Amino acid sequence: MIKVDPSIIEAFALMWGQFPEPVTLVHKNRTVLAVNEAGQGMREVGTNCAKQGSPEAHRGCLANQALKSGKATYVKGEYNGHKMISYWLPLAGYPELFVHFGVGITIDYDAETKQA
């Protein structure tokens, strides 16, 4: 089991708990350390994020690039027929951790814009 400073888990919950899309805190070995409310049921703490879902879903993973550069990375794509952007955000001072989320995973923002 990976040991993480509890204050990091608390900070994750404080910052990402209410974000409307699934967000995970992940170790460089791909162990999921925390999941926000929107991600409950999609990811589970203690599991390997790269082994969940289809292998094709992970082909564009930029976690290693984000961890190596220490800078946020993103990729645009499609999920369930609508546009999305996936982000990998390394944590300053914790080179083995990153936050991963996608905008457009559970909300079709294009459809919502058309309705407004």
PDB file of N, CA and C in Angstrom:
ATOM      1  N   MET A   1       0.835  -1.186   0.000  1.00  0.00           N
ATOM      2  CA  MET A   1       0.000   0.000   0.000  1.00  0.00           C
ATOM      3  C   MET A   1       0.878   1.247   0.000  1.00  0.00           C
ATOM      4  N   ILE A   2       0.528   2.178  -0.826  1.00  0.00           N
ATOM      5  CA  ILE A   2       1.283   3.421  -0.929  1.00  0.00           C
ATOM      6  C   ILE A   2       0.877   4.356   0.207  1.00  0.00           C
ATOM      7  N   LYS A   3       1.871   4.897   0.901  1.00  0.00           N
ATOM      8  CA  LYS A   3       1.604   5.842   1.977  1.00  0.00           C
ATOM      9  C   LYS A   3       1.711   7.257   1.426  1.00  0.00           C
ATOM     10  N   VAL A   4       0.671   8.025   1.677  1.00  0.00           N
ATOM     11  CA  VAL A   4       0.619   9.413   1.229  1.00  0.00           C
ATOM     12  C   VAL A   4       0.266  10.273   2.434  1.00  0.00           C
ATOM     13  N   ASP A   5       0.895  11.413   2.526  1.00  0.00           N
ATOM     14  CA  ASP A   5       0.598  12.368   3.584  1.00  0.00           C
ATOM     15  C   ASP A   5      -0.915  12.622   3.605  1.00  0.00           C
ATOM     16  N   PRO A   6      -1.584  12.392   4.732  1.00  0.00           N
ATOM     17  CA  PRO A   6      -3.038  12.596   4.800  1.00  0.00           C
ATOM     18  C   PRO A   6      -3.474  14.004   4.398  1.00  0.00           C
ATOM     19  N   SER A   7      -2.589  14.986   4.597  1.00  0.00           N
ATOM     20  CA  SER A   7      -2.954  16.357   4.222  1.00  0.00           C
ATOM     21  C   SER A   7      -3.124  16.495   2.704  1.00  0.00           C
ATOM     22  N   ILE A   8      -2.446  15.652   1.932  1.00  0.00           N
ATOM     23  CA  ILE A   8      -2.604  15.673   0.474  1.00  0.00           C
ATOM     24  C   ILE A   8      -3.990  15.152   0.101  1.00  0.00           C
ATOM     25  N   ILE A   9      -4.418  14.085   0.739  1.00  0.00           N
ATOM     26  CA  ILE A   9      -5.753  13.534   0.484  1.00  0.00           C
ATOM     27  C   ILE A   9      -6.819  14.550   0.896  1.00  0.00           C
ATOM     28  N   GLU A  10      -6.617  15.205   2.033  1.00  0.00           N
ATOM     29  CA  GLU A  10      -7.560  16.223   2.504  1.00  0.00           C
ATOM     30  C   GLU A  10      -7.619  17.400   1.536  1.00  0.00           C
ATOM     31  N   ALA A  11      -6.461  17.841   1.061  1.00  0.00           N
ATOM     32  CA  ALA A  11      -6.422  18.957   0.110  1.00  0.00           C
ATOM     33  C   ALA A  11      -7.115  18.580  -1.198  1.00  0.00           C
ATOM     34  N   PHE A  12      -6.911  17.352  -1.641  1.00  0.00           N
ATOM     35  CA  PHE A  12      -7.584  16.881  -2.852  1.00  0.00           C
ATOM     36  C   PHE A  12      -9.099  16.960  -2.669  1.00  0.00           C
ATOM     37  N   ALA A  13      -9.596  16.448  -1.544  1.00  0.00           N
ATOM     38  CA  ALA A  13     -11.038  16.460  -1.279  1.00  0.00           C
ATOM     39  C   ALA A  13     -11.577  17.886  -1.212  1.00  0.00           C
ATOM     40  N   LEU A  14     -10.826  18.769  -0.594  1.00  0.00           N
ATOM     41  CA  LEU A  14     -11.242  20.164  -0.479  1.00  0.00           C
ATOM     42  C   LEU A  14     -11.322  20.837  -1.846  1.00  0.00           C
ATOM     43  N   MET A  15     -10.318  20.630  -2.665  1.00  0.00           N
ATOM     44  CA  MET A  15     -10.245  21.314  -3.962  1.00  0.00           C
ATOM     45  C   MET A  15     -11.102  20.665  -5.044  1.00  0.00           C
ATOM     46  N   TRP A  16     -11.202  19.355  -5.050  1.00  0.00           N
ATOM     47  CA  TRP A  16     -11.845  18.648  -6.163  1.00  0.00           C
ATOM     48  C   TRP A  16     -13.142  17.937  -5.803  1.00  0.00           C
ATOM     49  N   GLY A  17     -13.496  17.888  -4.533  1.00  0.00           N
ATOM     50  CA  GLY A  17     -14.660  17.131  -4.088  1.00  0.00           C
ATOM     51  C   GLY A  17     -15.947  17.470  -4.818  1.00  0.00           C
ATOM     52  N   GLN A  18     -16.191  18.738  -5.071  1.00  0.00           N
ATOM     53  CA  GLN A  18     -17.436  19.176  -5.701  1.00  0.00           C
ATOM     54  C   GLN A  18     -17.301  19.440  -7.196  1.00  0.00           C
ATOM     55  N   PHE A  19     -16.136  19.193  -7.769  1.00  0.00           N
ATOM     56  CA  PHE A  19     -15.963  19.396  -9.214  1.00  0.00           C
ATOM     57  C   PHE A  19     -16.949  18.474  -9.929  1.00  0.00           C
ATOM     58  N   PRO A  20     -17.667  18.968 -10.948  1.00  0.00           N
ATOM     59  CA  PRO A  20     -18.749  18.179 -11.549  1.00  0.00           C
ATOM     60  C   PRO A  20     -18.318  17.042 -12.468  1.00  0.00           C
ATOM     61  N   GLU A  21     -17.047  16.876 -12.685  1.00  0.00           N
ATOM     62  CA  GLU A  21     -16.529  15.787 -13.518  1.00  0.00           C
ATOM     63  C   GLU A  21     -15.661  14.872 -12.648  1.00  0.00           C
ATOM     64  N   PRO A  22     -15.476  13.607 -13.044  1.00  0.00           N
ATOM     65  CA  PRO A  22     -14.630  12.694 -12.274  1.00  0.00           C
ATOM     66  C   PRO A  22     -13.176  13.177 -12.208  1.00  0.00           C
ATOM     67  N   VAL A  23     -12.610  13.159 -11.008  1.00  0.00           N
ATOM     68  CA  VAL A  23     -11.215  13.558 -10.791  1.00  0.00           C
ATOM     69  C   VAL A  23     -10.560  12.518  -9.891  1.00  0.00           C
ATOM     70  N   THR A  24      -9.324  12.150 -10.227  1.00  0.00           N
ATOM     71  CA  THR A  24      -8.582  11.198  -9.404  1.00  0.00           C
ATOM     72  C   THR A  24      -7.222  11.760  -9.031  1.00  0.00           C
ATOM     73  N   LEU A  25      -6.758  11.377  -7.860  1.00  0.00           N
ATOM     74  CA  LEU A  25      -5.386  11.617  -7.425  1.00  0.00           C
ATOM     75  C   LEU A  25      -4.680  10.293  -7.627  1.00  0.00           C
ATOM     76  N   VAL A  26      -3.575  10.312  -8.373  1.00  0.00           N
ATOM     77  CA  VAL A  26      -2.941   9.072  -8.806  1.00  0.00           C
ATOM     78  C   VAL A  26      -1.440   9.094  -8.512  1.00  0.00           C
ATOM     79  N   HIS A  27      -0.906   7.957  -8.092  1.00  0.00           N
ATOM     80  CA  HIS A  27       0.533   7.768  -7.905  1.00  0.00           C
ATOM     81  C   HIS A  27       1.158   7.455  -9.258  1.00  0.00           C
ATOM     82  N   LYS A  28       2.439   7.701  -9.404  1.00  0.00           N
ATOM     83  CA  LYS A  28       3.115   7.454 -10.683  1.00  0.00           C
ATOM     84  C   LYS A  28       3.026   6.000 -11.136  1.00  0.00           C
ATOM     85  N   ASN A  29       2.806   5.072 -10.209  1.00  0.00           N
ATOM     86  CA  ASN A  29       2.650   3.665 -10.609  1.00  0.00           C
ATOM     87  C   ASN A  29       1.211   3.352 -11.024  1.00  0.00           C
ATOM     88  N   ARG A  30       0.372   4.383 -11.069  1.00  0.00           N
ATOM     89  CA  ARG A  30      -1.025   4.354 -11.536  1.00  0.00           C
ATOM     90  C   ARG A  30      -2.017   3.859 -10.488  1.00  0.00           C
ATOM     91  N   THR A  31      -1.584   3.789  -9.229  1.00  0.00           N
ATOM     92  CA  THR A  31      -2.523   3.463  -8.162  1.00  0.00           C
ATOM     93  C   THR A  31      -3.378   4.687  -7.856  1.00  0.00           C
ATOM     94  N   VAL A  32      -4.691   4.499  -7.865  1.00  0.00           N
ATOM     95  CA  VAL A  32      -5.627   5.576  -7.537  1.00  0.00           C
ATOM     96  C   VAL A  32      -5.605   5.778  -6.024  1.00  0.00           C
ATOM     97  N   LEU A  33      -5.321   7.013  -5.604  1.00  0.00           N
ATOM     98  CA  LEU A  33      -5.205   7.334  -4.184  1.00  0.00           C
ATOM     99  C   LEU A  33      -6.448   8.016  -3.633  1.00  0.00           C
ATOM    100  N   ALA A  34      -7.173   8.729  -4.488  1.00  0.00           N
ATOM    101  CA  ALA A  34      -8.399   9.419  -4.067  1.00  0.00           C
ATOM    102  C   ALA A  34      -9.261   9.673  -5.298  1.00  0.00           C
ATOM    103  N   VAL A  35     -10.567   9.744  -5.066  1.00  0.00           N
ATOM    104  CA  VAL A  35     -11.540   9.984  -6.133  1.00  0.00           C
ATOM    105  C   VAL A  35     -12.555  11.000  -5.614  1.00  0.00           C
ATOM    106  N   ASN A  36     -12.929  11.962  -6.441  1.00  0.00           N
ATOM    107  CA  ASN A  36     -13.944  12.921  -6.011  1.00  0.00           C
ATOM    108  C   ASN A  36     -15.341  12.308  -6.129  1.00  0.00           C
ATOM    109  N   GLU A  37     -16.361  13.065  -5.708  1.00  0.00           N
ATOM    110  CA  GLU A  37     -17.737  12.550  -5.714  1.00  0.00           C
ATOM    111  C   GLU A  37     -18.188  12.120  -7.104  1.00  0.00           C
ATOM    112  N   ALA A  38     -17.911  12.933  -8.116  1.00  0.00           N
ATOM    113  CA  ALA A  38     -18.359  12.621  -9.482  1.00  0.00           C
ATOM    114  C   ALA A  38     -17.701  11.356 -10.021  1.00  0.00           C
ATOM    115  N   GLY A  39     -16.554  10.997  -9.479  1.00  0.00           N
ATOM    116  CA  GLY A  39     -15.838   9.816  -9.953  1.00  0.00           C
ATOM    117  C   GLY A  39     -16.180   8.538  -9.208  1.00  0.00           C
ATOM    118  N   GLN A  40     -16.990   8.655  -8.150  1.00  0.00           N
ATOM    119  CA  GLN A  40     -17.387   7.466  -7.398  1.00  0.00           C
ATOM    120  C   GLN A  40     -18.095   6.495  -8.335  1.00  0.00           C
ATOM    121  N   GLY A  41     -17.686   5.253  -8.311  1.00  0.00           N
ATOM    122  CA  GLY A  41     -18.273   4.241  -9.182  1.00  0.00           C
ATOM    123  C   GLY A  41     -17.563   4.102 -10.512  1.00  0.00           C
ATOM    124  N   MET A  42     -16.760   5.108 -10.875  1.00  0.00           N
ATOM    125  CA  MET A  42     -15.987   5.031 -12.118  1.00  0.00           C
ATOM    126  C   MET A  42     -14.555   4.588 -11.839  1.00  0.00           C
ATOM    127  N   ARG A  43     -14.016   5.037 -10.716  1.00  0.00           N
ATOM    128  CA  ARG A  43     -12.680   4.673 -10.276  1.00  0.00           C
ATOM    129  C   ARG A  43     -12.765   4.305  -8.809  1.00  0.00           C
ATOM    130  N   GLU A  44     -11.855   3.444  -8.380  1.00  0.00           N
ATOM    131  CA  GLU A  44     -11.869   2.991  -6.998  1.00  0.00           C
ATOM    132  C   GLU A  44     -10.474   3.146  -6.403  1.00  0.00           C
ATOM    133  N   VAL A  45     -10.402   3.696  -5.203  1.00  0.00           N
ATOM    134  CA  VAL A  45      -9.128   3.867  -4.505  1.00  0.00           C
ATOM    135  C   VAL A  45      -8.455   2.508  -4.362  1.00  0.00           C
ATOM    136  N   GLY A  46      -7.149   2.485  -4.642  1.00  0.00           N
ATOM    137  CA  GLY A  46      -6.355   1.260  -4.526  1.00  0.00           C
ATOM    138  C   GLY A  46      -6.221   0.481  -5.815  1.00  0.00           C
ATOM    139  N   THR A  47      -7.011   0.830  -6.819  1.00  0.00           N
ATOM    140  CA  THR A  47      -6.933   0.126  -8.098  1.00  0.00           C
ATOM    141  C   THR A  47      -5.928   0.803  -9.020  1.00  0.00           C
ATOM    142  N   ASN A  48      -5.560   0.120 -10.074  1.00  0.00           N
ATOM    143  CA  ASN A  48      -4.663   0.662 -11.093  1.00  0.00           C
ATOM    144  C   ASN A  48      -5.526   1.324 -12.160  1.00  0.00           C
ATOM    145  N   CYS A  49      -5.398   2.636 -12.306  1.00  0.00           N
ATOM    146  CA  CYS A  49      -6.267   3.362 -13.237  1.00  0.00           C
ATOM    147  C   CYS A  49      -6.087   2.892 -14.674  1.00  0.00           C
ATOM    148  N   ALA A  50      -4.892   2.470 -15.039  1.00  0.00           N
ATOM    149  CA  ALA A  50      -4.617   2.053 -16.419  1.00  0.00           C
ATOM    150  C   ALA A  50      -5.251   0.710 -16.757  1.00  0.00           C
ATOM    151  N   LYS A  51      -5.702  -0.008 -15.743  1.00  0.00           N
ATOM    152  CA  LYS A  51      -6.326  -1.314 -15.987  1.00  0.00           C
ATOM    153  C   LYS A  51      -7.846  -1.245 -15.955  1.00  0.00           C
ATOM    154  N   GLN A  52      -8.379  -0.043 -15.803  1.00  0.00           N
ATOM    155  CA  GLN A  52      -9.828   0.127 -15.801  1.00  0.00           C
ATOM    156  C   GLN A  52     -10.263   0.638 -17.164  1.00  0.00           C
ATOM    157  N   GLY A  53     -11.306   0.060 -17.688  1.00  0.00           N
ATOM    158  CA  GLY A  53     -11.758   0.441 -19.021  1.00  0.00           C
ATOM    159  C   GLY A  53     -10.948  -0.284 -20.081  1.00  0.00           C
ATOM    160  N   SER A  54     -11.164   0.096 -21.310  1.00  0.00           N
ATOM    161  CA  SER A  54     -10.477  -0.558 -22.429  1.00  0.00           C
ATOM    162  C   SER A  54      -9.052  -0.033 -22.579  1.00  0.00           C
ATOM    163  N   PRO A  55      -8.149  -0.860 -23.102  1.00  0.00           N
ATOM    164  CA  PRO A  55      -6.776  -0.394 -23.344  1.00  0.00           C
ATOM    165  C   PRO A  55      -6.741   0.823 -24.272  1.00  0.00           C
ATOM    166  N   GLU A  56      -7.662   0.887 -25.226  1.00  0.00           N
ATOM    167  CA  GLU A  56      -7.705   2.014 -26.163  1.00  0.00           C
ATOM    168  C   GLU A  56      -7.940   3.337 -25.432  1.00  0.00           C
ATOM    169  N   ALA A  57      -8.682   3.281 -24.343  1.00  0.00           N
ATOM    170  CA  ALA A  57      -8.988   4.496 -23.591  1.00  0.00           C
ATOM    171  C   ALA A  57      -7.745   5.112 -22.961  1.00  0.00           C
ATOM    172  N   HIS A  58      -6.672   4.327 -22.840  1.00  0.00           N
ATOM    173  CA  HIS A  58      -5.452   4.802 -22.182  1.00  0.00           C
ATOM    174  C   HIS A  58      -4.311   5.093 -23.164  1.00  0.00           C
ATOM    175  N   ARG A  59      -4.557   4.922 -24.431  1.00  0.00           N
ATOM    176  CA  ARG A  59      -3.486   5.125 -25.420  1.00  0.00           C
ATOM    177  C   ARG A  59      -2.960   6.551 -25.454  1.00  0.00           C
ATOM    178  N   GLY A  60      -3.808   7.516 -25.145  1.00  0.00           N
ATOM    179  CA  GLY A  60      -3.383   8.911 -25.171  1.00  0.00           C
ATOM    180  C   GLY A  60      -2.921   9.424 -23.825  1.00  0.00           C
ATOM    181  N   CYS A  61      -2.657   8.522 -22.883  1.00  0.00           N
ATOM    182  CA  CYS A  61      -2.267   8.923 -21.530  1.00  0.00           C
ATOM    183  C   CYS A  61      -0.980   9.750 -21.556  1.00  0.00           C
ATOM    184  N   LEU A  62      -1.037  10.912 -20.908  1.00  0.00           N
ATOM    185  CA  LEU A  62       0.130  11.797 -20.849  1.00  0.00           C
ATOM    186  C   LEU A  62       0.674  11.933 -19.425  1.00  0.00           C
ATOM    187  N   ALA A  63       0.352  10.973 -18.564  1.00  0.00           N
ATOM    188  CA  ALA A  63       0.817  11.039 -17.175  1.00  0.00           C
ATOM    189  C   ALA A  63       2.338  11.090 -17.087  1.00  0.00           C
ATOM    190  N   ASN A  64       3.023  10.218 -17.809  1.00  0.00           N
ATOM    191  CA  ASN A  64       4.493  10.211 -17.749  1.00  0.00           C
ATOM    192  C   ASN A  64       5.072  11.535 -18.213  1.00  0.00           C
ATOM    193  N   GLN A  65       4.496  12.107 -19.258  1.00  0.00           N
ATOM    194  CA  GLN A  65       4.973  13.400 -19.761  1.00  0.00           C
ATOM    195  C   GLN A  65       4.782  14.483 -18.699  1.00  0.00           C
ATOM    196  N   ALA A  66       3.625  14.500 -18.051  1.00  0.00           N
ATOM    197  CA  ALA A  66       3.360  15.496 -17.013  1.00  0.00           C
ATOM    198  C   ALA A  66       4.313  15.330 -15.835  1.00  0.00           C
ATOM    199  N   LEU A  67       4.539  14.090 -15.409  1.00  0.00           N
ATOM    200  CA  LEU A  67       5.433  13.842 -14.285  1.00  0.00           C
ATOM    201  C   LEU A  67       6.876  14.207 -14.621  1.00  0.00           C
ATOM    202  N   LYS A  68       7.308  13.892 -15.820  1.00  0.00           N
ATOM    203  CA  LYS A  68       8.688  14.185 -16.228  1.00  0.00           C
ATOM    204  C   LYS A  68       8.930  15.686 -16.361  1.00  0.00           C
ATOM    205  N   SER A  69       7.980  16.395 -16.971  1.00  0.00           N
ATOM    206  CA  SER A  69       8.148  17.831 -17.210  1.00  0.00           C
ATOM    207  C   SER A  69       7.784  18.675 -15.997  1.00  0.00           C
ATOM    208  N   GLY A  70       6.951  18.118 -15.113  1.00  0.00           N
ATOM    209  CA  GLY A  70       6.475  18.896 -13.976  1.00  0.00           C
ATOM    210  C   GLY A  70       5.437  19.927 -14.371  1.00  0.00           C
ATOM    211  N   LYS A  71       4.879  19.780 -15.572  1.00  0.00           N
ATOM    212  CA  LYS A  71       3.897  20.746 -16.082  1.00  0.00           C
ATOM    213  C   LYS A  71       2.609  20.029 -16.478  1.00  0.00           C
ATOM    214  N   ALA A  72       1.518  20.757 -16.379  1.00  0.00           N
ATOM    215  CA  ALA A  72       0.222  20.210 -16.778  1.00  0.00           C
ATOM    216  C   ALA A  72       0.243  19.850 -18.255  1.00  0.00           C
ATOM    217  N   THR A  73      -0.409  18.747 -18.581  1.00  0.00           N
ATOM    218  CA  THR A  73      -0.543  18.334 -19.974  1.00  0.00           C
ATOM    219  C   THR A  73      -2.016  18.038 -20.231  1.00  0.00           C
ATOM    220  N   TYR A  74      -2.397  18.105 -21.486  1.00  0.00           N
ATOM    221  CA  TYR A  74      -3.779  17.790 -21.838  1.00  0.00           C
ATOM    222  C   TYR A  74      -3.845  17.252 -23.248  1.00  0.00           C
ATOM    223  N   VAL A  75      -4.952  16.596 -23.539  1.00  0.00           N
ATOM    224  CA  VAL A  75      -5.215  16.092 -24.880  1.00  0.00           C
ATOM    225  C   VAL A  75      -6.710  16.253 -25.145  1.00  0.00           C
ATOM    226  N   LYS A  76      -7.035  16.663 -26.356  1.00  0.00           N
ATOM    227  CA  LYS A  76      -8.438  16.764 -26.766  1.00  0.00           C
ATOM    228  C   LYS A  76      -8.840  15.466 -27.436  1.00  0.00           C
ATOM    229  N   GLY A  77     -10.080  15.076 -27.241  1.00  0.00           N
ATOM    230  CA  GLY A  77     -10.572  13.853 -27.860  1.00  0.00           C
ATOM    231  C   GLY A  77     -12.078  13.789 -27.816  1.00  0.00           C
ATOM    232  N   GLU A  78     -12.597  12.584 -27.949  1.00  0.00           N
ATOM    233  CA  GLU A  78     -14.039  12.358 -27.869  1.00  0.00           C
ATOM    234  C   GLU A  78     -14.320  11.243 -26.874  1.00  0.00           C
ATOM    235  N   TYR A  79     -15.444  11.363 -26.217  1.00  0.00           N
ATOM    236  CA  TYR A  79     -15.894  10.354 -25.260  1.00  0.00           C
ATOM    237  C   TYR A  79     -17.406  10.254 -25.376  1.00  0.00           C
ATOM    238  N   ASN A  80     -17.895   9.070 -25.635  1.00  0.00           N
ATOM    239  CA  ASN A  80     -19.334   8.852 -25.796  1.00  0.00           C
ATOM    240  C   ASN A  80     -19.961   9.806 -26.812  1.00  0.00           C
ATOM    241  N   GLY A  81     -19.215  10.106 -27.860  1.00  0.00           N
ATOM    242  CA  GLY A  81     -19.751  10.915 -28.947  1.00  0.00           C
ATOM    243  C   GLY A  81     -19.712  12.413 -28.748  1.00  0.00           C
ATOM    244  N   HIS A  82     -19.085  12.887 -27.689  1.00  0.00           N
ATOM    245  CA  HIS A  82     -18.957  14.337 -27.534  1.00  0.00           C
ATOM    246  C   HIS A  82     -17.524  14.713 -27.184  1.00  0.00           C
ATOM    247  N   LYS A  83     -17.211  15.974 -27.397  1.00  0.00           N
ATOM    248  CA  LYS A  83     -15.845  16.461 -27.206  1.00  0.00           C
ATOM    249  C   LYS A  83     -15.462  16.461 -25.730  1.00  0.00           C
ATOM    250  N   MET A  84     -14.196  16.175 -25.493  1.00  0.00           N
ATOM    251  CA  MET A  84     -13.667  16.217 -24.131  1.00  0.00           C
ATOM    252  C   MET A  84     -12.204  16.643 -24.157  1.00  0.00           C
ATOM    253  N   ILE A  85     -11.729  17.086 -23.026  1.00  0.00           N
ATOM    254  CA  ILE A  85     -10.314  17.404 -22.839  1.00  0.00           C
ATOM    255  C   ILE A  85      -9.873  16.697 -21.565  1.00  0.00           C
ATOM    256  N   SER A  86      -8.808  15.902 -21.653  1.00  0.00           N
ATOM    257  CA  SER A  86      -8.244  15.208 -20.489  1.00  0.00           C
ATOM    258  C   SER A  86      -7.001  15.951 -20.020  1.00  0.00           C
ATOM    259  N   TYR A  87      -6.866  16.078 -18.705  1.00  0.00           N
ATOM    260  CA  TYR A  87      -5.736  16.781 -18.095  1.00  0.00           C
ATOM    261  C   TYR A  87      -4.989  15.868 -17.134  1.00  0.00           C
ATOM    262  N   TRP A  88      -3.677  16.086 -17.052  1.00  0.00           N
ATOM    263  CA  TRP A  88      -2.809  15.455 -16.065  1.00  0.00           C
ATOM    264  C   TRP A  88      -2.041  16.591 -15.404  1.00  0.00           C
ATOM    265  N   LEU A  89      -2.218  16.770 -14.104  1.00  0.00           N
ATOM    266  CA  LEU A  89      -1.608  17.880 -13.376  1.00  0.00           C
ATOM    267  C   LEU A  89      -0.665  17.343 -12.309  1.00  0.00           C
ATOM    268  N   PRO A  90       0.647  17.516 -12.479  1.00  0.00           N
ATOM    269  CA  PRO A  90       1.575  17.073 -11.430  1.00  0.00           C
ATOM    270  C   PRO A  90       1.423  17.965 -10.200  1.00  0.00           C
ATOM    271  N   LEU A  91       1.689  17.410  -9.028  1.00  0.00           N
ATOM    272  CA  LEU A  91       1.593  18.174  -7.789  1.00  0.00           C
ATOM    273  C   LEU A  91       2.961  18.732  -7.420  1.00  0.00           C
ATOM    274  N   ALA A  92       3.028  20.038  -7.256  1.00  0.00           N
ATOM    275  CA  ALA A  92       4.276  20.699  -6.876  1.00  0.00           C
ATOM    276  C   ALA A  92       4.748  20.148  -5.532  1.00  0.00           C
ATOM    277  N   GLY A  93       5.995  19.733  -5.478  1.00  0.00           N
ATOM    278  CA  GLY A  93       6.566  19.200  -4.248  1.00  0.00           C
ATOM    279  C   GLY A  93       6.328  17.713  -4.038  1.00  0.00           C
ATOM    280  N   TYR A  94       5.542  17.108  -4.916  1.00  0.00           N
ATOM    281  CA  TYR A  94       5.238  15.676  -4.828  1.00  0.00           C
ATOM    282  C   TYR A  94       5.401  15.063  -6.214  1.00  0.00           C
ATOM    283  N   PRO A  95       6.646  14.835  -6.645  1.00  0.00           N
ATOM    284  CA  PRO A  95       6.910  14.405  -8.021  1.00  0.00           C
ATOM    285  C   PRO A  95       6.343  13.038  -8.391  1.00  0.00           C
ATOM    286  N   GLU A  96       5.838  12.301  -7.413  1.00  0.00           N
ATOM    287  CA  GLU A  96       5.284  10.975  -7.694  1.00  0.00           C
ATOM    288  C   GLU A  96       3.755  10.994  -7.826  1.00  0.00           C
ATOM    289  N   LEU A  97       3.143  12.173  -7.690  1.00  0.00           N
ATOM    290  CA  LEU A  97       1.681  12.273  -7.708  1.00  0.00           C
ATOM    291  C   LEU A  97       1.178  13.188  -8.817  1.00  0.00           C
ATOM    292  N   PHE A  98      -0.023  12.869  -9.297  1.00  0.00           N
ATOM    293  CA  PHE A  98      -0.687  13.763 -10.249  1.00  0.00           C
ATOM    294  C   PHE A  98      -2.194  13.664 -10.095  1.00  0.00           C
ATOM    295  N   VAL A  99      -2.863  14.722 -10.527  1.00  0.00           N
ATOM    296  CA  VAL A  99      -4.321  14.757 -10.580  1.00  0.00           C
ATOM    297  C   VAL A  99      -4.711  14.525 -12.024  1.00  0.00           C
ATOM    298  N   HIS A 100      -5.709  13.677 -12.227  1.00  0.00           N
ATOM    299  CA  HIS A 100      -6.171  13.384 -13.592  1.00  0.00           C
ATOM    300  C   HIS A 100      -7.678  13.582 -13.671  1.00  0.00           C
ATOM    301  N   PHE A 101      -8.103  14.295 -14.705  1.00  0.00           N
ATOM    302  CA  PHE A 101      -9.531  14.483 -14.930  1.00  0.00           C
ATOM    303  C   PHE A 101      -9.773  14.834 -16.387  1.00  0.00           C
ATOM    304  N   GLY A 102     -11.014  14.740 -16.767  1.00  0.00           N
ATOM    305  CA  GLY A 102     -11.422  15.133 -18.107  1.00  0.00           C
ATOM    306  C   GLY A 102     -12.646  16.016 -18.026  1.00  0.00           C
ATOM    307  N   VAL A 103     -12.679  17.025 -18.858  1.00  0.00           N
ATOM    308  CA  VAL A 103     -13.850  17.888 -18.970  1.00  0.00           C
ATOM    309  C   VAL A 103     -14.622  17.413 -20.195  1.00  0.00           C
ATOM    310  N   GLY A 104     -15.861  16.981 -19.969  1.00  0.00           N
ATOM    311  CA  GLY A 104     -16.670  16.418 -21.038  1.00  0.00           C
ATOM    312  C   GLY A 104     -16.895  14.925 -20.859  1.00  0.00           C
ATOM    313  N   ILE A 105     -16.486  14.390 -19.728  1.00  0.00           N
ATOM    314  CA  ILE A 105     -16.663  12.962 -19.445  1.00  0.00           C
ATOM    315  C   ILE A 105     -18.126  12.664 -19.119  1.00  0.00           C
ATOM    316  N   THR A 106     -18.691  13.431 -18.201  1.00  0.00           N
ATOM    317  CA  THR A 106     -20.069  13.187 -17.779  1.00  0.00           C
ATOM    318  C   THR A 106     -21.036  14.280 -18.216  1.00  0.00           C
ATOM    319  N   ILE A 107     -20.508  15.385 -18.697  1.00  0.00           N
ATOM    320  CA  ILE A 107     -21.349  16.501 -19.137  1.00  0.00           C
ATOM    321  C   ILE A 107     -21.029  16.811 -20.590  1.00  0.00           C
ATOM    322  N   ASP A 108     -22.056  16.876 -21.427  1.00  0.00           N
ATOM    323  CA  ASP A 108     -21.884  17.271 -22.830  1.00  0.00           C
ATOM    324  C   ASP A 108     -22.071  18.784 -22.888  1.00  0.00           C
ATOM    325  N   TYR A 109     -20.968  19.521 -22.783  1.00  0.00           N
ATOM    326  CA  TYR A 109     -21.022  20.978 -22.717  1.00  0.00           C
ATOM    327  C   TYR A 109     -21.526  21.596 -24.017  1.00  0.00           C
ATOM    328  N   ASP A 110     -21.247  20.970 -25.147  1.00  0.00           N
ATOM    329  CA  ASP A 110     -21.754  21.480 -26.421  1.00  0.00           C
ATOM    330  C   ASP A 110     -23.276  21.439 -26.438  1.00  0.00           C
ATOM    331  N   ALA A 111     -23.871  20.367 -25.968  1.00  0.00           N
ATOM    332  CA  ALA A 111     -25.330  20.245 -25.928  1.00  0.00           C
ATOM    333  C   ALA A 111     -25.929  21.270 -24.968  1.00  0.00           C
ATOM    334  N   GLU A 112     -25.272  21.487 -23.831  1.00  0.00           N
ATOM    335  CA  GLU A 112     -25.773  22.465 -22.867  1.00  0.00           C
ATOM    336  C   GLU A 112     -25.707  23.876 -23.426  1.00  0.00           C
ATOM    337  N   THR A 113     -24.660  24.184 -24.201  1.00  0.00           N
ATOM    338  CA  THR A 113     -24.520  25.500 -24.809  1.00  0.00           C
ATOM    339  C   THR A 113     -25.640  25.740 -25.812  1.00  0.00           C
ATOM    340  N   LYS A 114     -25.986  24.743 -26.584  1.00  0.00           N
ATOM    341  CA  LYS A 114     -27.048  24.867 -27.587  1.00  0.00           C
ATOM    342  C   LYS A 114     -28.407  25.087 -26.943  1.00  0.00           C
ATOM    343  N   GLN A 115     -28.611  24.538 -25.758  1.00  0.00           N
ATOM    344  CA  GLN A 115     -29.891  24.677 -25.069  1.00  0.00           C
ATOM    345  C   GLN A 115     -30.037  26.037 -24.403  1.00  0.00           C
ATOM    346  N   ALA A 116     -28.923  26.682 -24.109  1.00  0.00           N
ATOM    347  CA  ALA A 116     -28.954  27.958 -23.377  1.00  0.00           C
ATOM    348  C   ALA A 116     -29.474  29.106 -24.209  1.00  0.00           C
TER     349      ALA A 116
END
